Structures are given as C-alpha cells and as structure tokens.
C-alpha cells in the first residue's frame, strides 16, 4: 500500500474510533486520488459524491439542506487553483 493511502486509512480509522463520519465531495474532472479518499468514507460509513462543476451551486444547496449535526467544527477544504 502506498504511503499516502496508509495515511488516509489511519485517518479513517481514527475518525471511526471517535464516531466521526467522513463524506467526500469531489468535482468531476479533478485529478484527486479518489480511490485513496474513498477509503475515508468507507471506513467511517460516509458517502462519496462527485459533482458537476456546472451545477456546483445546486449540489451544495442540496448538501447544505440536510439538518446540522455538529457545530464548532474546524474543516480544511482544498480547492483547485481555478476556484
């Protein structure tokens, strides 16, 4: 297993041990290692969603319409340079 994939697996195991669910949102056409990232969602019972950049606003509106289950959370979001 590649070192990067091991890191994602360790993060997933840690999140799972803390009761954290990790959901992945990926933009279609990006070049992320979705196979490695999917391990996070898989280990924690989360979901993976690939969104079309043209309908990004609609996709995020649907995601944000879900009830809030946490607050005071810090998240780091990595976006493509064009965003």
N, C-alpha and C. Protein backbone atom coordinates (compact mmCIF):
# COMPACT_ATOMS: atom_id res chain seq x y z
N UNK A 1 0.86 -1.18 0.00
CA UNK A 1 0.00 0.00 0.00
C UNK A 1 0.90 1.24 0.00
N UNK A 2 0.56 2.20 -0.81
CA UNK A 2 1.35 3.44 -0.88
C UNK A 2 1.24 4.20 0.43
N UNK A 3 2.29 4.95 0.74
CA UNK A 3 2.32 5.69 1.99
C UNK A 3 1.12 6.63 2.14
N UNK A 4 0.75 7.31 1.03
CA UNK A 4 -0.39 8.22 1.07
C UNK A 4 -1.67 7.48 1.44
N UNK A 5 -1.88 6.30 0.85
CA UNK A 5 -3.07 5.52 1.15
C UNK A 5 -3.08 5.05 2.60
N UNK A 6 -1.90 4.76 3.14
CA UNK A 6 -1.81 4.36 4.55
C UNK A 6 -2.23 5.51 5.45
N UNK A 7 -1.86 6.72 5.08
CA UNK A 7 -2.23 7.89 5.88
C UNK A 7 -3.74 8.06 5.89
N UNK A 8 -4.36 7.96 4.71
CA UNK A 8 -5.82 8.09 4.65
C UNK A 8 -6.50 6.99 5.45
N UNK A 9 -5.95 5.79 5.41
CA UNK A 9 -6.54 4.69 6.18
C UNK A 9 -6.40 4.95 7.68
N UNK A 10 -5.26 5.47 8.11
CA UNK A 10 -5.08 5.78 9.54
C UNK A 10 -6.03 6.89 9.98
N UNK A 11 -6.19 7.90 9.12
CA UNK A 11 -7.13 8.98 9.44
C UNK A 11 -8.55 8.43 9.54
N UNK A 12 -8.91 7.55 8.61
CA UNK A 12 -10.24 6.93 8.63
C UNK A 12 -10.47 6.10 9.88
N UNK A 13 -9.48 5.34 10.27
CA UNK A 13 -9.60 4.53 11.49
C UNK A 13 -9.73 5.42 12.72
N UNK A 14 -8.97 6.51 12.76
CA UNK A 14 -9.05 7.44 13.87
C UNK A 14 -10.43 8.09 13.93
N UNK A 15 -10.91 8.58 12.78
CA UNK A 15 -12.24 9.21 12.74
C UNK A 15 -13.31 8.22 13.20
N UNK A 16 -13.22 7.00 12.71
CA UNK A 16 -14.19 5.96 13.10
C UNK A 16 -14.16 5.74 14.61
N UNK A 17 -12.97 5.70 15.20
CA UNK A 17 -12.86 5.46 16.64
C UNK A 17 -13.46 6.60 17.46
N UNK A 18 -13.55 7.78 16.86
CA UNK A 18 -14.12 8.96 17.53
C UNK A 18 -15.59 9.18 17.15
N UNK A 19 -16.15 8.27 16.34
CA UNK A 19 -17.55 8.39 15.95
C UNK A 19 -17.80 9.45 14.88
N UNK A 20 -16.77 9.76 14.10
CA UNK A 20 -16.88 10.79 13.07
C UNK A 20 -17.14 10.13 11.72
N UNK A 21 -18.10 10.65 10.99
CA UNK A 21 -18.39 10.19 9.64
C UNK A 21 -17.77 11.17 8.66
N UNK A 22 -17.02 10.64 7.69
CA UNK A 22 -16.38 11.48 6.69
C UNK A 22 -17.10 11.29 5.36
N UNK A 23 -17.62 12.38 4.82
CA UNK A 23 -18.22 12.38 3.49
C UNK A 23 -17.28 13.11 2.54
N UNK A 24 -17.15 12.58 1.34
CA UNK A 24 -16.25 13.17 0.34
C UNK A 24 -17.07 13.78 -0.78
N UNK A 25 -16.77 15.04 -1.13
CA UNK A 25 -17.38 15.69 -2.28
C UNK A 25 -16.24 16.01 -3.24
N UNK A 26 -16.32 15.45 -4.43
CA UNK A 26 -15.28 15.64 -5.44
C UNK A 26 -15.90 16.27 -6.68
N UNK A 27 -15.16 17.15 -7.31
CA UNK A 27 -15.63 17.81 -8.52
C UNK A 27 -15.21 16.99 -9.72
N UNK A 28 -16.18 16.67 -10.58
CA UNK A 28 -15.89 15.90 -11.79
C UNK A 28 -14.81 16.60 -12.61
N UNK A 29 -13.87 15.82 -13.12
CA UNK A 29 -12.80 16.37 -13.92
C UNK A 29 -11.58 16.75 -13.11
N UNK A 30 -11.65 16.67 -11.77
CA UNK A 30 -10.48 16.98 -10.97
C UNK A 30 -9.52 15.79 -11.01
N UNK A 31 -8.34 15.99 -10.50
CA UNK A 31 -7.33 14.95 -10.57
C UNK A 31 -6.95 14.45 -9.18
N UNK A 32 -7.90 14.36 -8.28
CA UNK A 32 -7.59 13.85 -6.95
C UNK A 32 -7.53 12.32 -6.98
N UNK A 33 -6.90 11.76 -5.98
CA UNK A 33 -6.81 10.31 -5.86
C UNK A 33 -8.06 9.83 -5.13
N UNK A 34 -9.15 9.73 -5.87
CA UNK A 34 -10.44 9.40 -5.28
C UNK A 34 -10.44 8.00 -4.65
N UNK A 35 -9.67 7.08 -5.19
CA UNK A 35 -9.59 5.73 -4.60
C UNK A 35 -9.08 5.80 -3.17
N UNK A 36 -8.05 6.59 -2.94
CA UNK A 36 -7.50 6.72 -1.59
C UNK A 36 -8.47 7.46 -0.68
N UNK A 37 -9.09 8.53 -1.20
CA UNK A 37 -10.02 9.30 -0.38
C UNK A 37 -11.28 8.50 -0.04
N UNK A 38 -11.71 7.64 -0.96
CA UNK A 38 -12.91 6.83 -0.71
C UNK A 38 -12.74 5.94 0.51
N UNK A 39 -11.51 5.57 0.80
CA UNK A 39 -11.25 4.72 1.97
C UNK A 39 -11.72 5.42 3.25
N UNK A 40 -11.53 6.75 3.31
CA UNK A 40 -12.01 7.50 4.47
C UNK A 40 -13.51 7.35 4.65
N UNK A 41 -14.24 7.57 3.57
CA UNK A 41 -15.70 7.46 3.64
C UNK A 41 -16.12 6.03 3.97
N UNK A 42 -15.47 5.07 3.34
CA UNK A 42 -15.81 3.66 3.55
C UNK A 42 -15.60 3.25 5.01
N UNK A 43 -14.49 3.63 5.59
CA UNK A 43 -14.18 3.25 6.97
C UNK A 43 -15.12 3.88 7.99
N UNK A 44 -15.64 5.07 7.67
CA UNK A 44 -16.45 5.80 8.64
C UNK A 44 -17.95 5.75 8.35
N UNK A 45 -18.34 5.01 7.31
CA UNK A 45 -19.76 4.94 6.97
C UNK A 45 -20.25 6.16 6.22
N UNK A 46 -19.34 6.93 5.65
CA UNK A 46 -19.70 8.13 4.91
C UNK A 46 -20.03 7.83 3.46
N UNK A 47 -20.26 8.89 2.71
CA UNK A 47 -20.62 8.77 1.30
C UNK A 47 -19.64 9.54 0.44
N UNK A 48 -19.56 9.16 -0.82
CA UNK A 48 -18.73 9.85 -1.80
C UNK A 48 -19.66 10.39 -2.88
N UNK A 49 -19.52 11.67 -3.19
CA UNK A 49 -20.35 12.28 -4.23
C UNK A 49 -19.46 13.06 -5.18
N UNK A 50 -19.59 12.77 -6.46
CA UNK A 50 -18.89 13.53 -7.50
C UNK A 50 -19.89 14.51 -8.08
N UNK A 51 -19.51 15.78 -8.10
CA UNK A 51 -20.44 16.80 -8.58
C UNK A 51 -19.91 17.44 -9.86
N UNK A 52 -20.83 17.81 -10.72
CA UNK A 52 -20.53 18.51 -11.95
C UNK A 52 -20.24 19.97 -11.60
N UNK A 53 -19.10 20.53 -12.03
CA UNK A 53 -18.80 21.92 -11.67
C UNK A 53 -19.84 22.92 -12.17
N UNK A 54 -20.55 22.58 -13.24
CA UNK A 54 -21.59 23.47 -13.77
C UNK A 54 -22.75 23.59 -12.78
N UNK A 55 -23.07 22.50 -12.09
CA UNK A 55 -24.20 22.53 -11.15
C UNK A 55 -23.72 22.49 -9.70
N UNK A 56 -22.54 23.04 -9.45
CA UNK A 56 -21.96 23.03 -8.12
C UNK A 56 -22.85 23.72 -7.09
N UNK A 57 -23.42 24.85 -7.44
CA UNK A 57 -24.29 25.59 -6.52
C UNK A 57 -25.48 24.73 -6.11
N UNK A 58 -26.10 24.06 -7.07
CA UNK A 58 -27.26 23.21 -6.78
C UNK A 58 -26.86 22.05 -5.88
N UNK A 59 -25.72 21.41 -6.19
CA UNK A 59 -25.27 20.28 -5.38
C UNK A 59 -25.02 20.70 -3.93
N UNK A 60 -24.33 21.83 -3.75
CA UNK A 60 -24.05 22.27 -2.39
C UNK A 60 -25.32 22.72 -1.68
N UNK A 61 -26.28 23.28 -2.40
CA UNK A 61 -27.55 23.66 -1.79
C UNK A 61 -28.25 22.41 -1.25
N UNK A 62 -28.21 21.31 -2.01
CA UNK A 62 -28.81 20.06 -1.55
C UNK A 62 -28.08 19.51 -0.34
N UNK A 63 -26.76 19.57 -0.37
CA UNK A 63 -25.97 19.08 0.77
C UNK A 63 -26.26 19.91 2.01
N UNK A 64 -26.29 21.23 1.85
CA UNK A 64 -26.49 22.12 2.99
C UNK A 64 -27.92 22.12 3.51
N UNK A 65 -28.86 21.54 2.76
CA UNK A 65 -30.24 21.49 3.23
C UNK A 65 -30.45 20.40 4.28
N UNK A 66 -29.45 19.55 4.47
CA UNK A 66 -29.54 18.50 5.48
C UNK A 66 -29.45 19.12 6.87
N UNK A 67 -30.05 18.47 7.88
CA UNK A 67 -30.00 19.03 9.24
C UNK A 67 -28.57 19.10 9.77
N UNK A 68 -28.29 20.11 10.57
CA UNK A 68 -26.97 20.29 11.19
C UNK A 68 -26.83 19.27 12.32
N UNK A 69 -25.72 18.56 12.31
CA UNK A 69 -25.49 17.56 13.36
C UNK A 69 -24.24 17.87 14.18
N UNK A 70 -23.54 18.96 13.85
CA UNK A 70 -22.34 19.34 14.60
C UNK A 70 -22.15 20.84 14.51
N UNK A 71 -21.47 21.39 15.50
CA UNK A 71 -21.11 22.80 15.46
C UNK A 71 -19.72 22.94 16.08
N UNK A 72 -19.14 24.13 15.94
CA UNK A 72 -17.77 24.37 16.41
C UNK A 72 -16.80 23.37 15.81
N UNK A 73 -16.96 23.12 14.52
CA UNK A 73 -16.12 22.18 13.80
C UNK A 73 -15.16 22.97 12.92
N UNK A 74 -13.93 22.54 12.88
CA UNK A 74 -12.94 23.17 12.01
C UNK A 74 -12.70 22.21 10.85
N UNK A 75 -12.79 22.73 9.63
CA UNK A 75 -12.58 21.89 8.44
C UNK A 75 -11.62 22.61 7.50
N UNK A 76 -10.78 21.84 6.86
CA UNK A 76 -9.87 22.38 5.86
C UNK A 76 -10.36 21.89 4.51
N UNK A 77 -10.59 22.82 3.60
CA UNK A 77 -11.10 22.48 2.27
C UNK A 77 -10.02 22.82 1.26
N UNK A 78 -9.69 21.84 0.43
CA UNK A 78 -8.71 22.04 -0.62
C UNK A 78 -9.45 22.16 -1.95
N UNK A 79 -9.24 23.26 -2.63
CA UNK A 79 -9.91 23.51 -3.90
C UNK A 79 -8.88 23.65 -5.00
N UNK A 80 -9.32 23.40 -6.20
CA UNK A 80 -8.49 23.60 -7.38
C UNK A 80 -8.12 25.07 -7.48
N UNK A 81 -6.94 25.38 -8.02
CA UNK A 81 -6.48 26.76 -8.15
C UNK A 81 -7.47 27.65 -8.89
N UNK A 82 -8.25 27.06 -9.81
CA UNK A 82 -9.22 27.82 -10.57
C UNK A 82 -10.44 28.23 -9.77
N UNK A 83 -10.60 27.69 -8.59
CA UNK A 83 -11.76 28.00 -7.77
C UNK A 83 -11.43 29.17 -6.89
